Amino acid sequence: MSVNQNHVTLPGFDRTALRVNQAAMIVLLLVAFVANLPWLAATTAIIMALGAISPSLALFQRLYRDVLRPAGLLRPDIHQEDAAPHRFAQGMGATVLILASLALFLGAPTVGWALALLVVALAAINLVFGFCVGCFIFFQIQRLAHSR
């Protein structure tokens, strides 16, 4: 991010990478649910957590950047926005999936799959409608922090 005389220029953020990430999560979690594969839900949680910690570890976004985009299968959709709200949302999703995985492995499949499907629903809302609930929460936390 650069500052130019009271004007802040945000880095470019590729929303196509975000959509690939959401679509991959949705597909993997639905396969995990339908086939009753708790390990796949847990693997998805780990992938999401690593991507939230460091963008260079975001496996689904690397698939986009390293394979799909260079092959010409998808095009970038660059917007001037901060990636922090999206990383926060991914971290929230990872946290819920970690809780889901724990529930699944500890014998509470109803709770585990309900949490996993909640992540699917929220990712689908973002993918289809462009509304990121985790980003909304991020901005509300920021607003509260600045109002104090």
C-alpha atoms as a PDB file:
ATOM      1  CA  MET A   1       0.000   0.000   0.000  1.00  0.00           C
ATOM      2  CA  SER A   2       1.370   3.424  -0.862  1.00  0.00           C
ATOM      3  CA  VAL A   3       0.405   6.866   0.377  1.00  0.00           C
ATOM      4  CA  ASN A   4       0.403   9.865  -1.964  1.00  0.00           C
ATOM      5  CA  GLN A   5      -0.538  13.206  -0.354  1.00  0.00           C
ATOM      6  CA  ASN A   6      -3.579  12.127   1.662  1.00  0.00           C
ATOM      7  CA  HIS A   7      -4.531   9.508  -0.924  1.00  0.00           C
ATOM      8  CA  VAL A   8      -4.086   5.839  -0.135  1.00  0.00           C
ATOM      9  CA  THR A   9      -3.566   3.460  -3.043  1.00  0.00           C
ATOM     10  CA  LEU A  10      -4.505  -0.093  -2.190  1.00  0.00           C
ATOM     11  CA  PRO A  11      -2.723  -3.021  -3.789  1.00  0.00           C
ATOM     12  CA  GLY A  12      -4.430  -4.949  -6.556  1.00  0.00           C
ATOM     13  CA  PHE A  13      -6.536  -7.858  -5.352  1.00  0.00           C
ATOM     14  CA  ASP A  14      -7.539 -10.592  -7.798  1.00  0.00           C
ATOM     15  CA  ARG A  15     -11.119 -11.619  -7.119  1.00  0.00           C
ATOM     16  CA  THR A  16     -10.823 -14.534  -9.546  1.00  0.00           C
ATOM     17  CA  ALA A  17      -8.307 -16.130  -7.166  1.00  0.00           C
ATOM     18  CA  LEU A  18     -10.835 -15.613  -4.377  1.00  0.00           C
ATOM     19  CA  ARG A  19     -13.617 -17.236  -6.414  1.00  0.00           C
ATOM     20  CA  VAL A  20     -11.417 -20.237  -7.234  1.00  0.00           C
ATOM     21  CA  ASN A  21     -10.662 -20.585  -3.522  1.00  0.00           C
ATOM     22  CA  GLN A  22     -14.373 -20.468  -2.647  1.00  0.00           C
ATOM     23  CA  ALA A  23     -15.374 -22.895  -5.397  1.00  0.00           C
ATOM     24  CA  ALA A  24     -12.677 -25.389  -4.365  1.00  0.00           C
ATOM     25  CA  MET A  25     -13.777 -25.209  -0.717  1.00  0.00           C
ATOM     26  CA  ILE A  26     -17.408 -25.723  -1.657  1.00  0.00           C
ATOM     27  CA  VAL A  27     -16.660 -28.714  -3.890  1.00  0.00           C
ATOM     28  CA  LEU A  28     -14.334 -30.425  -1.400  1.00  0.00           C
ATOM     29  CA  LEU A  29     -16.667 -29.898   1.544  1.00  0.00           C
ATOM     30  CA  LEU A  30     -19.717 -31.131  -0.370  1.00  0.00           C
ATOM     31  CA  VAL A  31     -17.798 -34.229  -1.483  1.00  0.00           C
ATOM     32  CA  ALA A  32     -16.673 -34.731   2.135  1.00  0.00           C
ATOM     33  CA  PHE A  33     -20.270 -34.450   3.345  1.00  0.00           C
ATOM     34  CA  VAL A  34     -21.868 -36.667   0.691  1.00  0.00           C
ATOM     35  CA  ALA A  35     -19.178 -39.354   0.963  1.00  0.00           C
ATOM     36  CA  ASN A  36     -18.897 -38.941   4.766  1.00  0.00           C
ATOM     37  CA  LEU A  37     -15.161 -38.218   4.637  1.00  0.00           C
ATOM     38  CA  PRO A  38     -14.245 -36.285   7.786  1.00  0.00           C
ATOM     39  CA  TRP A  39     -10.562 -36.367   6.804  1.00  0.00           C
ATOM     40  CA  LEU A  40     -11.398 -34.352   3.655  1.00  0.00           C
ATOM     41  CA  ALA A  41     -13.148 -31.693   5.750  1.00  0.00           C
ATOM     42  CA  ALA A  42     -10.100 -31.600   8.045  1.00  0.00           C
ATOM     43  CA  THR A  43      -7.742 -31.340   5.064  1.00  0.00           C
ATOM     44  CA  THR A  44      -9.790 -28.439   3.712  1.00  0.00           C
ATOM     45  CA  ALA A  45      -9.582 -26.751   7.124  1.00  0.00           C
ATOM     46  CA  ILE A  46      -5.796 -27.079   7.114  1.00  0.00           C
ATOM     47  CA  ILE A  47      -5.538 -25.721   3.558  1.00  0.00           C
ATOM     48  CA  MET A  48      -7.717 -22.753   4.515  1.00  0.00           C
ATOM     49  CA  ALA A  49      -5.788 -22.072   7.718  1.00  0.00           C
ATOM     50  CA  LEU A  50      -2.441 -22.116   5.918  1.00  0.00           C
ATOM     51  CA  GLY A  51      -3.790 -19.738   3.261  1.00  0.00           C
ATOM     52  CA  ALA A  52      -5.082 -17.363   5.935  1.00  0.00           C
ATOM     53  CA  ILE A  53      -1.712 -17.383   7.691  1.00  0.00           C
ATOM     54  CA  SER A  54       0.323 -16.803   4.533  1.00  0.00           C
ATOM     55  CA  PRO A  55      -1.000 -16.092   1.023  1.00  0.00           C
ATOM     56  CA  SER A  56       1.964 -17.980  -0.440  1.00  0.00           C
ATOM     57  CA  LEU A  57       0.553 -21.143   1.194  1.00  0.00           C
ATOM     58  CA  ALA A  58      -2.971 -20.686  -0.235  1.00  0.00           C
ATOM     59  CA  LEU A  59      -3.155 -23.916  -2.244  1.00  0.00           C
ATOM     60  CA  PHE A  60      -6.378 -23.155  -4.138  1.00  0.00           C
ATOM     61  CA  GLN A  61      -5.189 -19.683  -5.086  1.00  0.00           C
ATOM     62  CA  ARG A  62      -1.835 -21.124  -6.201  1.00  0.00           C
ATOM     63  CA  LEU A  63      -3.740 -23.535  -8.429  1.00  0.00           C
ATOM     64  CA  TYR A  64      -5.327 -20.489 -10.024  1.00  0.00           C
ATOM     65  CA  ARG A  65      -2.098 -18.465 -10.270  1.00  0.00           C
ATOM     66  CA  ASP A  66       0.193 -21.317 -11.337  1.00  0.00           C
ATOM     67  CA  VAL A  67      -2.110 -23.447 -13.520  1.00  0.00           C
ATOM     68  CA  LEU A  68      -5.522 -22.044 -14.432  1.00  0.00           C
ATOM     69  CA  ARG A  69      -4.536 -18.450 -15.235  1.00  0.00           C
ATOM     70  CA  PRO A  70      -1.353 -19.285 -17.220  1.00  0.00           C
ATOM     71  CA  ALA A  71      -3.327 -21.888 -19.208  1.00  0.00           C
ATOM     72  CA  GLY A  72      -5.786 -19.149 -20.161  1.00  0.00           C
ATOM     73  CA  LEU A  73      -8.687 -20.948 -18.464  1.00  0.00           C
ATOM     74  CA  LEU A  74      -9.449 -18.011 -16.147  1.00  0.00           C
ATOM     75  CA  ARG A  75      -8.717 -14.311 -16.332  1.00  0.00           C
ATOM     76  CA  PRO A  76      -7.726 -11.982 -13.534  1.00  0.00           C
ATOM     77  CA  ASP A  77     -10.356  -9.683 -12.038  1.00  0.00           C
ATOM     78  CA  ILE A  78      -8.189  -7.088 -10.303  1.00  0.00           C
ATOM     79  CA  HIS A  79      -9.698  -4.584  -7.871  1.00  0.00           C
ATOM     80  CA  GLN A  80      -7.996  -1.974  -5.706  1.00  0.00           C
ATOM     81  CA  GLU A  81      -8.848  -3.344  -2.287  1.00  0.00           C
ATOM     82  CA  ASP A  82      -7.185  -4.647   0.818  1.00  0.00           C
ATOM     83  CA  ALA A  83      -6.771  -8.410   1.080  1.00  0.00           C
ATOM     84  CA  ALA A  84      -6.906  -8.303   4.907  1.00  0.00           C
ATOM     85  CA  PRO A  85     -10.720  -8.664   5.211  1.00  0.00           C
ATOM     86  CA  HIS A  86     -10.654 -11.677   2.896  1.00  0.00           C
ATOM     87  CA  ARG A  87      -7.806 -13.306   4.828  1.00  0.00           C
ATOM     88  CA  PHE A  88      -9.731 -12.662   8.053  1.00  0.00           C
ATOM     89  CA  ALA A  89     -12.814 -14.312   6.534  1.00  0.00           C
ATOM     90  CA  GLN A  90     -10.729 -17.287   5.409  1.00  0.00           C
ATOM     91  CA  GLY A  91      -9.300 -17.571   8.911  1.00  0.00           C
ATOM     92  CA  MET A  92     -12.810 -17.554  10.344  1.00  0.00           C
ATOM     93  CA  GLY A  93     -13.854 -20.261   7.887  1.00  0.00           C
ATOM     94  CA  ALA A  94     -10.787 -22.314   8.780  1.00  0.00           C
ATOM     95  CA  THR A  95     -11.577 -21.961  12.482  1.00  0.00           C
ATOM     96  CA  VAL A  96     -15.156 -23.152  11.992  1.00  0.00           C
ATOM     97  CA  LEU A  97     -13.901 -26.074   9.866  1.00  0.00           C
ATOM     98  CA  ILE A  98     -11.361 -27.016  12.522  1.00  0.00           C
ATOM     99  CA  LEU A  99     -14.206 -27.096  15.061  1.00  0.00           C
ATOM    100  CA  ALA A 100     -16.269 -29.122  12.574  1.00  0.00           C
ATOM    101  CA  SER A 101     -13.424 -31.590  12.135  1.00  0.00           C
ATOM    102  CA  LEU A 102     -12.989 -31.963  15.882  1.00  0.00           C
ATOM    103  CA  ALA A 103     -16.707 -32.648  16.239  1.00  0.00           C
ATOM    104  CA  LEU A 104     -16.576 -35.208  13.425  1.00  0.00           C
ATOM    105  CA  PHE A 105     -13.595 -37.030  14.909  1.00  0.00           C
ATOM    106  CA  LEU A 106     -14.998 -36.893  18.455  1.00  0.00           C
ATOM    107  CA  GLY A 107     -18.279 -38.581  17.514  1.00  0.00           C
ATOM    108  CA  ALA A 108     -20.612 -35.613  16.971  1.00  0.00           C
ATOM    109  CA  PRO A 109     -21.287 -35.879  13.225  1.00  0.00           C
ATOM    110  CA  THR A 110     -24.445 -33.750  13.271  1.00  0.00           C
ATOM    111  CA  VAL A 111     -22.578 -30.807  14.803  1.00  0.00           C
ATOM    112  CA  GLY A 112     -19.530 -31.376  12.598  1.00  0.00           C
ATOM    113  CA  TRP A 113     -21.402 -31.533   9.314  1.00  0.00           C
ATOM    114  CA  ALA A 114     -23.648 -28.613  10.321  1.00  0.00           C
ATOM    115  CA  LEU A 115     -20.568 -26.451  10.877  1.00  0.00           C
ATOM    116  CA  ALA A 116     -18.966 -27.629   7.622  1.00  0.00           C
ATOM    117  CA  LEU A 117     -22.162 -26.897   5.693  1.00  0.00           C
ATOM    118  CA  LEU A 118     -22.329 -23.451   7.294  1.00  0.00           C
ATOM    119  CA  VAL A 119     -18.922 -22.733   5.756  1.00  0.00           C
ATOM    120  CA  VAL A 120     -20.219 -24.046   2.418  1.00  0.00           C
ATOM    121  CA  ALA A 121     -23.278 -21.784   2.616  1.00  0.00           C
ATOM    122  CA  LEU A 122     -21.250 -18.674   3.471  1.00  0.00           C
ATOM    123  CA  ALA A 123     -18.699 -19.388   0.737  1.00  0.00           C
ATOM    124  CA  ALA A 124     -21.546 -19.904  -1.738  1.00  0.00           C
ATOM    125  CA  ILE A 125     -23.144 -16.584  -0.741  1.00  0.00           C
ATOM    126  CA  ASN A 126     -19.840 -14.855  -1.399  1.00  0.00           C
ATOM    127  CA  LEU A 127     -19.265 -16.728  -4.656  1.00  0.00           C
ATOM    128  CA  VAL A 128     -22.763 -16.143  -6.063  1.00  0.00           C
ATOM    129  CA  PHE A 129     -23.768 -12.790  -4.573  1.00  0.00           C
ATOM    130  CA  GLY A 130     -20.400 -11.204  -3.774  1.00  0.00           C
ATOM    131  CA  PHE A 131     -21.272 -10.671  -0.113  1.00  0.00           C
ATOM    132  CA  CYS A 132     -18.552 -11.779   2.277  1.00  0.00           C
ATOM    133  CA  VAL A 133     -19.911 -12.289   5.789  1.00  0.00           C
ATOM    134  CA  GLY A 134     -16.403 -12.628   7.244  1.00  0.00           C
ATOM    135  CA  CYS A 135     -15.389  -9.337   5.577  1.00  0.00           C
ATOM    136  CA  PHE A 136     -18.499  -7.697   7.034  1.00  0.00           C
ATOM    137  CA  ILE A 137     -17.506  -8.922  10.500  1.00  0.00           C
ATOM    138  CA  PHE A 138     -13.948  -7.666   9.907  1.00  0.00           C
ATOM    139  CA  PHE A 139     -15.218  -4.186   9.036  1.00  0.00           C
ATOM    140  CA  GLN A 140     -17.560  -4.136  12.050  1.00  0.00           C
ATOM    141  CA  ILE A 141     -14.668  -5.034  14.351  1.00  0.00           C
ATOM    142  CA  GLN A 142     -12.560  -2.299  12.738  1.00  0.00           C
ATOM    143  CA  ARG A 143     -15.383   0.212  13.168  1.00  0.00           C
ATOM    144  CA  LEU A 144     -15.822  -0.693  16.837  1.00  0.00           C
ATOM    145  CA  ALA A 145     -12.090  -0.491  17.451  1.00  0.00           C
ATOM    146  CA  HIS A 146     -11.894   2.973  15.900  1.00  0.00           C
ATOM    147  CA  SER A 147     -14.929   4.275  17.771  1.00  0.00           C
ATOM    148  CA  ARG A 148     -13.333   3.671  21.170  1.00  0.00           C
END
